[in-house]
Amino acid sequence: MHAKLILESMIPYVIKAIRIMPLKIEDPDLLYNYYFQNMIVLTIGLMEETTNLYKDTINEIEEILNLI
């Protein structure tokens, strides 16, 4: 789900704004606009939430295993 969000939302901006080889910003206005910055902030928040959910799940599994 996250990969799909990133591929469909962010990658097109990155591809248009940054030349990969050689590494160079081709369109700074596109890369540094508020829309792209908002996508980055929201994606980071989503990744942090997911990481915390995975950590909580691992802790619960470990607790269950200890009870067994």
PDB file of N, CA and C in Angstrom:
ATOM      1  N   MET A   1       0.819  -1.193   0.000  1.00  0.00           N
ATOM      2  CA  MET A   1       0.000   0.000   0.000  1.00  0.00           C
ATOM      3  C   MET A   1       0.867   1.264   0.000  1.00  0.00           C
ATOM      4  N   HIS A   2       1.896   1.262   0.864  1.00  0.00           N
ATOM      5  CA  HIS A   2       2.765   2.427   0.914  1.00  0.00           C
ATOM      6  C   HIS A   2       3.574   2.582  -0.362  1.00  0.00           C
ATOM      7  N   ALA A   3       4.055   1.481  -0.858  1.00  0.00           N
ATOM      8  CA  ALA A   3       4.839   1.538  -2.094  1.00  0.00           C
ATOM      9  C   ALA A   3       3.990   2.090  -3.231  1.00  0.00           C
ATOM     10  N   LYS A   4       2.736   1.678  -3.293  1.00  0.00           N
ATOM     11  CA  LYS A   4       1.829   2.170  -4.342  1.00  0.00           C
ATOM     12  C   LYS A   4       1.630   3.673  -4.199  1.00  0.00           C
ATOM     13  N   LEU A   5       1.430   4.135  -2.963  1.00  0.00           N
ATOM     14  CA  LEU A   5       1.265   5.565  -2.720  1.00  0.00           C
ATOM     15  C   LEU A   5       2.492   6.342  -3.192  1.00  0.00           C
ATOM     16  N   ILE A   6       3.652   5.849  -2.827  1.00  0.00           N
ATOM     17  CA  ILE A   6       4.891   6.533  -3.203  1.00  0.00           C
ATOM     18  C   ILE A   6       5.092   6.502  -4.709  1.00  0.00           C
ATOM     19  N   LEU A   7       4.892   5.346  -5.310  1.00  0.00           N
ATOM     20  CA  LEU A   7       5.098   5.228  -6.757  1.00  0.00           C
ATOM     21  C   LEU A   7       4.137   6.104  -7.542  1.00  0.00           C
ATOM     22  N   GLU A   8       2.882   6.145  -7.112  1.00  0.00           N
ATOM     23  CA  GLU A   8       1.884   6.895  -7.876  1.00  0.00           C
ATOM     24  C   GLU A   8       1.900   8.386  -7.570  1.00  0.00           C
ATOM     25  N   SER A   9       2.313   8.775  -6.371  1.00  0.00           N
ATOM     26  CA  SER A   9       2.219  10.174  -5.978  1.00  0.00           C
ATOM     27  C   SER A   9       3.542  10.921  -6.071  1.00  0.00           C
ATOM     28  N   MET A  10       4.581  10.326  -5.551  1.00  0.00           N
ATOM     29  CA  MET A  10       5.833  11.060  -5.401  1.00  0.00           C
ATOM     30  C   MET A  10       6.826  10.828  -6.526  1.00  0.00           C
ATOM     31  N   ILE A  11       6.925   9.619  -6.994  1.00  0.00           N
ATOM     32  CA  ILE A  11       7.927   9.296  -8.010  1.00  0.00           C
ATOM     33  C   ILE A  11       7.776  10.150  -9.268  1.00  0.00           C
ATOM     34  N   PRO A  12       6.559  10.401  -9.759  1.00  0.00           N
ATOM     35  CA  PRO A  12       6.461  11.260 -10.945  1.00  0.00           C
ATOM     36  C   PRO A  12       7.080  12.647 -10.733  1.00  0.00           C
ATOM     37  N   TYR A  13       6.916  13.209  -9.549  1.00  0.00           N
ATOM     38  CA  TYR A  13       7.543  14.499  -9.261  1.00  0.00           C
ATOM     39  C   TYR A  13       9.059  14.386  -9.265  1.00  0.00           C
ATOM     40  N   VAL A  14       9.554  13.356  -8.608  1.00  0.00           N
ATOM     41  CA  VAL A  14      10.999  13.173  -8.519  1.00  0.00           C
ATOM     42  C   VAL A  14      11.591  12.974  -9.908  1.00  0.00           C
ATOM     43  N   ILE A  15      10.927  12.166 -10.709  1.00  0.00           N
ATOM     44  CA  ILE A  15      11.427  11.894 -12.064  1.00  0.00           C
ATOM     45  C   ILE A  15      11.458  13.166 -12.906  1.00  0.00           C
ATOM     46  N   LYS A  16      10.464  14.030 -12.742  1.00  0.00           N
ATOM     47  CA  LYS A  16      10.425  15.276 -13.509  1.00  0.00           C
ATOM     48  C   LYS A  16      11.416  16.309 -12.980  1.00  0.00           C
ATOM     49  N   ALA A  17      11.696  16.272 -11.682  1.00  0.00           N
ATOM     50  CA  ALA A  17      12.500  17.327 -11.070  1.00  0.00           C
ATOM     51  C   ALA A  17      13.983  17.007 -10.989  1.00  0.00           C
ATOM     52  N   ILE A  18      14.336  15.717 -10.911  1.00  0.00           N
ATOM     53  CA  ILE A  18      15.727  15.336 -10.676  1.00  0.00           C
ATOM     54  C   ILE A  18      16.247  14.455 -11.798  1.00  0.00           C
ATOM     55  N   ARG A  19      17.415  14.810 -12.311  1.00  0.00           N
ATOM     56  CA  ARG A  19      18.112  13.942 -13.265  1.00  0.00           C
ATOM     57  C   ARG A  19      18.922  12.959 -12.423  1.00  0.00           C
ATOM     58  N   ILE A  20      18.768  11.684 -12.689  1.00  0.00           N
ATOM     59  CA  ILE A  20      19.438  10.657 -11.886  1.00  0.00           C
ATOM     60  C   ILE A  20      20.916  10.539 -12.268  1.00  0.00           C
ATOM     61  N   MET A  21      21.194  10.477 -13.561  1.00  0.00           N
ATOM     62  CA  MET A  21      22.582  10.325 -14.011  1.00  0.00           C
ATOM     63  C   MET A  21      22.913  11.421 -15.008  1.00  0.00           C
ATOM     64  N   PRO A  22      23.778  12.332 -14.739  1.00  0.00           N
ATOM     65  CA  PRO A  22      24.390  12.600 -13.442  1.00  0.00           C
ATOM     66  C   PRO A  22      23.366  13.277 -12.532  1.00  0.00           C
ATOM     67  N   LEU A  23      23.541  13.122 -11.250  1.00  0.00           N
ATOM     68  CA  LEU A  23      22.598  13.643 -10.266  1.00  0.00           C
ATOM     69  C   LEU A  23      22.556  15.167 -10.332  1.00  0.00           C
ATOM     70  N   LYS A  24      21.364  15.688 -10.673  1.00  0.00           N
ATOM     71  CA  LYS A  24      21.219  17.137 -10.809  1.00  0.00           C
ATOM     72  C   LYS A  24      19.744  17.499 -10.686  1.00  0.00           C
ATOM     73  N   ILE A  25      19.460  18.565  -9.942  1.00  0.00           N
ATOM     74  CA  ILE A  25      18.090  19.054  -9.859  1.00  0.00           C
ATOM     75  C   ILE A  25      17.812  19.866 -11.112  1.00  0.00           C
ATOM     76  N   GLU A  26      16.829  19.399 -11.888  1.00  0.00           N
ATOM     77  CA  GLU A  26      16.496  20.055 -13.146  1.00  0.00           C
ATOM     78  C   GLU A  26      15.367  21.075 -12.993  1.00  0.00           C
ATOM     79  N   ASP A  27      14.457  20.828 -12.063  1.00  0.00           N
ATOM     80  CA  ASP A  27      13.314  21.720 -11.878  1.00  0.00           C
ATOM     81  C   ASP A  27      13.104  21.976 -10.390  1.00  0.00           C
ATOM     82  N   PRO A  28      13.860  22.897  -9.800  1.00  0.00           N
ATOM     83  CA  PRO A  28      13.754  23.152  -8.365  1.00  0.00           C
ATOM     84  C   PRO A  28      12.368  23.615  -7.942  1.00  0.00           C
ATOM     85  N   ASP A  29      11.675  24.366  -8.801  1.00  0.00           N
ATOM     86  CA  ASP A  29      10.332  24.834  -8.437  1.00  0.00           C
ATOM     87  C   ASP A  29       9.374  23.669  -8.236  1.00  0.00           C
ATOM     88  N   LEU A  30       9.491  22.668  -9.064  1.00  0.00           N
ATOM     89  CA  LEU A  30       8.642  21.491  -8.934  1.00  0.00           C
ATOM     90  C   LEU A  30       8.996  20.698  -7.680  1.00  0.00           C
ATOM     91  N   LEU A  31      10.274  20.575  -7.430  1.00  0.00           N
ATOM     92  CA  LEU A  31      10.747  19.779  -6.303  1.00  0.00           C
ATOM     93  C   LEU A  31      10.486  20.450  -4.964  1.00  0.00           C
ATOM     94  N   TYR A  32      10.598  21.761  -4.910  1.00  0.00           N
ATOM     95  CA  TYR A  32      10.502  22.467  -3.632  1.00  0.00           C
ATOM     96  C   TYR A  32       9.172  23.191  -3.428  1.00  0.00           C
ATOM     97  N   ASN A  33       8.151  22.851  -4.175  1.00  0.00           N
ATOM     98  CA  ASN A  33       6.858  23.497  -3.942  1.00  0.00           C
ATOM     99  C   ASN A  33       6.160  22.885  -2.733  1.00  0.00           C
ATOM    100  N   TYR A  34       5.158  23.581  -2.227  1.00  0.00           N
ATOM    101  CA  TYR A  34       4.487  23.134  -1.010  1.00  0.00           C
ATOM    102  C   TYR A  34       3.788  21.790  -1.198  1.00  0.00           C
ATOM    103  N   TYR A  35       3.279  21.503  -2.381  1.00  0.00           N
ATOM    104  CA  TYR A  35       2.567  20.245  -2.626  1.00  0.00           C
ATOM    105  C   TYR A  35       3.492  19.047  -2.419  1.00  0.00           C
ATOM    106  N   PHE A  36       4.667  19.104  -3.006  1.00  0.00           N
ATOM    107  CA  PHE A  36       5.627  18.005  -2.861  1.00  0.00           C
ATOM    108  C   PHE A  36       6.115  17.911  -1.423  1.00  0.00           C
ATOM    109  N   GLN A  37       6.351  19.041  -0.789  1.00  0.00           N
ATOM    110  CA  GLN A  37       6.772  19.036   0.611  1.00  0.00           C
ATOM    111  C   GLN A  37       5.694  18.418   1.492  1.00  0.00           C
ATOM    112  N   ASN A  38       4.439  18.750   1.233  1.00  0.00           N
ATOM    113  CA  ASN A  38       3.336  18.142   1.989  1.00  0.00           C
ATOM    114  C   ASN A  38       3.299  16.629   1.796  1.00  0.00           C
ATOM    115  N   MET A  39       3.517  16.170   0.563  1.00  0.00           N
ATOM    116  CA  MET A  39       3.531  14.725   0.307  1.00  0.00           C
ATOM    117  C   MET A  39       4.648  14.050   1.106  1.00  0.00           C
ATOM    118  N   ILE A  40       5.800  14.690   1.180  1.00  0.00           N
ATOM    119  CA  ILE A  40       6.922  14.113   1.936  1.00  0.00           C
ATOM    120  C   ILE A  40       6.560  14.016   3.415  1.00  0.00           C
ATOM    121  N   VAL A  41       6.026  15.102   3.978  1.00  0.00           N
ATOM    122  CA  VAL A  41       5.674  15.116   5.399  1.00  0.00           C
ATOM    123  C   VAL A  41       4.616  14.057   5.700  1.00  0.00           C
ATOM    124  N   LEU A  42       3.598  13.963   4.862  1.00  0.00           N
ATOM    125  CA  LEU A  42       2.542  12.974   5.080  1.00  0.00           C
ATOM    126  C   LEU A  42       3.064  11.548   4.933  1.00  0.00           C
ATOM    127  N   THR A  43       3.933  11.328   3.981  1.00  0.00           N
ATOM    128  CA  THR A  43       4.510   9.996   3.786  1.00  0.00           C
ATOM    129  C   THR A  43       5.378   9.606   4.978  1.00  0.00           C
ATOM    130  N   ILE A  44       6.173  10.540   5.480  1.00  0.00           N
ATOM    131  CA  ILE A  44       6.994  10.249   6.663  1.00  0.00           C
ATOM    132  C   ILE A  44       6.109   9.905   7.846  1.00  0.00           C
ATOM    133  N   GLY A  45       5.034  10.661   8.038  1.00  0.00           N
ATOM    134  CA  GLY A  45       4.099  10.364   9.128  1.00  0.00           C
ATOM    135  C   GLY A  45       3.481   8.986   8.981  1.00  0.00           C
ATOM    136  N   LEU A  46       3.101   8.632   7.775  1.00  0.00           N
ATOM    137  CA  LEU A  46       2.523   7.318   7.518  1.00  0.00           C
ATOM    138  C   LEU A  46       3.535   6.212   7.796  1.00  0.00           C
ATOM    139  N   MET A  47       4.778   6.425   7.389  1.00  0.00           N
ATOM    140  CA  MET A  47       5.822   5.428   7.630  1.00  0.00           C
ATOM    141  C   MET A  47       6.106   5.275   9.125  1.00  0.00           C
ATOM    142  N   GLU A  48       6.088   6.388   9.867  1.00  0.00           N
ATOM    143  CA  GLU A  48       6.311   6.316  11.308  1.00  0.00           C
ATOM    144  C   GLU A  48       5.177   5.557  11.998  1.00  0.00           C
ATOM    145  N   GLU A  49       3.942   5.827  11.589  1.00  0.00           N
ATOM    146  CA  GLU A  49       2.796   5.110  12.147  1.00  0.00           C
ATOM    147  C   GLU A  49       2.895   3.619  11.865  1.00  0.00           C
ATOM    148  N   THR A  50       3.273   3.280  10.653  1.00  0.00           N
ATOM    149  CA  THR A  50       3.404   1.873  10.274  1.00  0.00           C
ATOM    150  C   THR A  50       4.513   1.203  11.076  1.00  0.00           C
ATOM    151  N   THR A  51       5.633   1.885  11.232  1.00  0.00           N
ATOM    152  CA  THR A  51       6.746   1.338  12.014  1.00  0.00           C
ATOM    153  C   THR A  51       6.306   1.078  13.450  1.00  0.00           C
ATOM    154  N   ASN A  52       5.591   2.030  14.041  1.00  0.00           N
ATOM    155  CA  ASN A  52       5.109   1.847  15.406  1.00  0.00           C
ATOM    156  C   ASN A  52       4.125   0.691  15.501  1.00  0.00           C
ATOM    157  N   LEU A  53       3.267   0.544  14.508  1.00  0.00           N
ATOM    158  CA  LEU A  53       2.319  -0.564  14.490  1.00  0.00           C
ATOM    159  C   LEU A  53       3.052  -1.898  14.417  1.00  0.00           C
ATOM    160  N   TYR A  54       4.071  -1.983  13.561  1.00  0.00           N
ATOM    161  CA  TYR A  54       4.860  -3.218  13.463  1.00  0.00           C
ATOM    162  C   TYR A  54       5.577  -3.528  14.770  1.00  0.00           C
ATOM    163  N   LYS A  55       6.144  -2.497  15.409  1.00  0.00           N
ATOM    164  CA  LYS A  55       6.825  -2.701  16.685  1.00  0.00           C
ATOM    165  C   LYS A  55       5.854  -3.203  17.744  1.00  0.00           C
ATOM    166  N   ASP A  56       4.665  -2.597  17.801  1.00  0.00           N
ATOM    167  CA  ASP A  56       3.648  -3.043  18.765  1.00  0.00           C
ATOM    168  C   ASP A  56       3.248  -4.487  18.508  1.00  0.00           C
ATOM    169  N   THR A  57       3.098  -4.840  17.242  1.00  0.00           N
ATOM    170  CA  THR A  57       2.718  -6.207  16.879  1.00  0.00           C
ATOM    171  C   THR A  57       3.810  -7.194  17.279  1.00  0.00           C
ATOM    172  N   ILE A  58       5.053  -6.851  17.024  1.00  0.00           N
ATOM    173  CA  ILE A  58       6.171  -7.722  17.409  1.00  0.00           C
ATOM    174  C   ILE A  58       6.194  -7.901  18.923  1.00  0.00           C
ATOM    175  N   ASN A  59       5.978  -6.818  19.667  1.00  0.00           N
ATOM    176  CA  ASN A  59       5.953  -6.915  21.129  1.00  0.00           C
ATOM    177  C   ASN A  59       4.833  -7.829  21.603  1.00  0.00           C
ATOM    178  N   GLU A  60       3.664  -7.719  20.998  1.00  0.00           N
ATOM    179  CA  GLU A  60       2.541  -8.584  21.369  1.00  0.00           C
ATOM    180  C   GLU A  60       2.846 -10.044  21.056  1.00  0.00           C
ATOM    181  N   ILE A  61       3.446 -10.296  19.910  1.00  0.00           N
ATOM    182  CA  ILE A  61       3.807 -11.673  19.549  1.00  0.00           C
ATOM    183  C   ILE A  61       4.815 -12.228  20.540  1.00  0.00           C
ATOM    184  N   GLU A  62       5.801 -11.422  20.911  1.00  0.00           N
ATOM    185  CA  GLU A  62       6.798 -11.870  21.887  1.00  0.00           C
ATOM    186  C   GLU A  62       6.156 -12.162  23.241  1.00  0.00           C
ATOM    187  N   GLU A  63       5.205 -11.343  23.667  1.00  0.00           N
ATOM    188  CA  GLU A  63       4.504 -11.582  24.916  1.00  0.00           C
ATOM    189  C   GLU A  63       3.703 -12.882  24.864  1.00  0.00           C
ATOM    190  N   ILE A  64       3.051 -13.120  23.744  1.00  0.00           N
ATOM    191  CA  ILE A  64       2.289 -14.370  23.581  1.00  0.00           C
ATOM    192  C   ILE A  64       3.217 -15.574  23.592  1.00  0.00           C
ATOM    193  N   LEU A  65       4.347 -15.445  22.901  1.00  0.00           N
ATOM    194  CA  LEU A  65       5.310 -16.547  22.897  1.00  0.00           C
ATOM    195  C   LEU A  65       5.856 -16.824  24.301  1.00  0.00           C
ATOM    196  N   ASN A  66       6.076 -15.794  25.062  1.00  0.00           N
ATOM    197  CA  ASN A  66       6.545 -15.980  26.440  1.00  0.00           C
ATOM    198  C   ASN A  66       5.489 -16.672  27.302  1.00  0.00           C
ATOM    199  N   LEU A  67       4.228 -16.389  27.042  1.00  0.00           N
ATOM    200  CA  LEU A  67       3.156 -17.045  27.784  1.00  0.00           C
ATOM    201  C   LEU A  67       3.042 -18.520  27.413  1.00  0.00           C
ATOM    202  N   ILE A  68       3.363 -18.832  26.189  1.00  0.00           N
ATOM    203  CA  ILE A  68       3.274 -20.222  25.716  1.00  0.00           C
ATOM    204  C   ILE A  68       4.410 -20.998  26.333  1.00  0.00           C
TER     205      ILE A  68
END
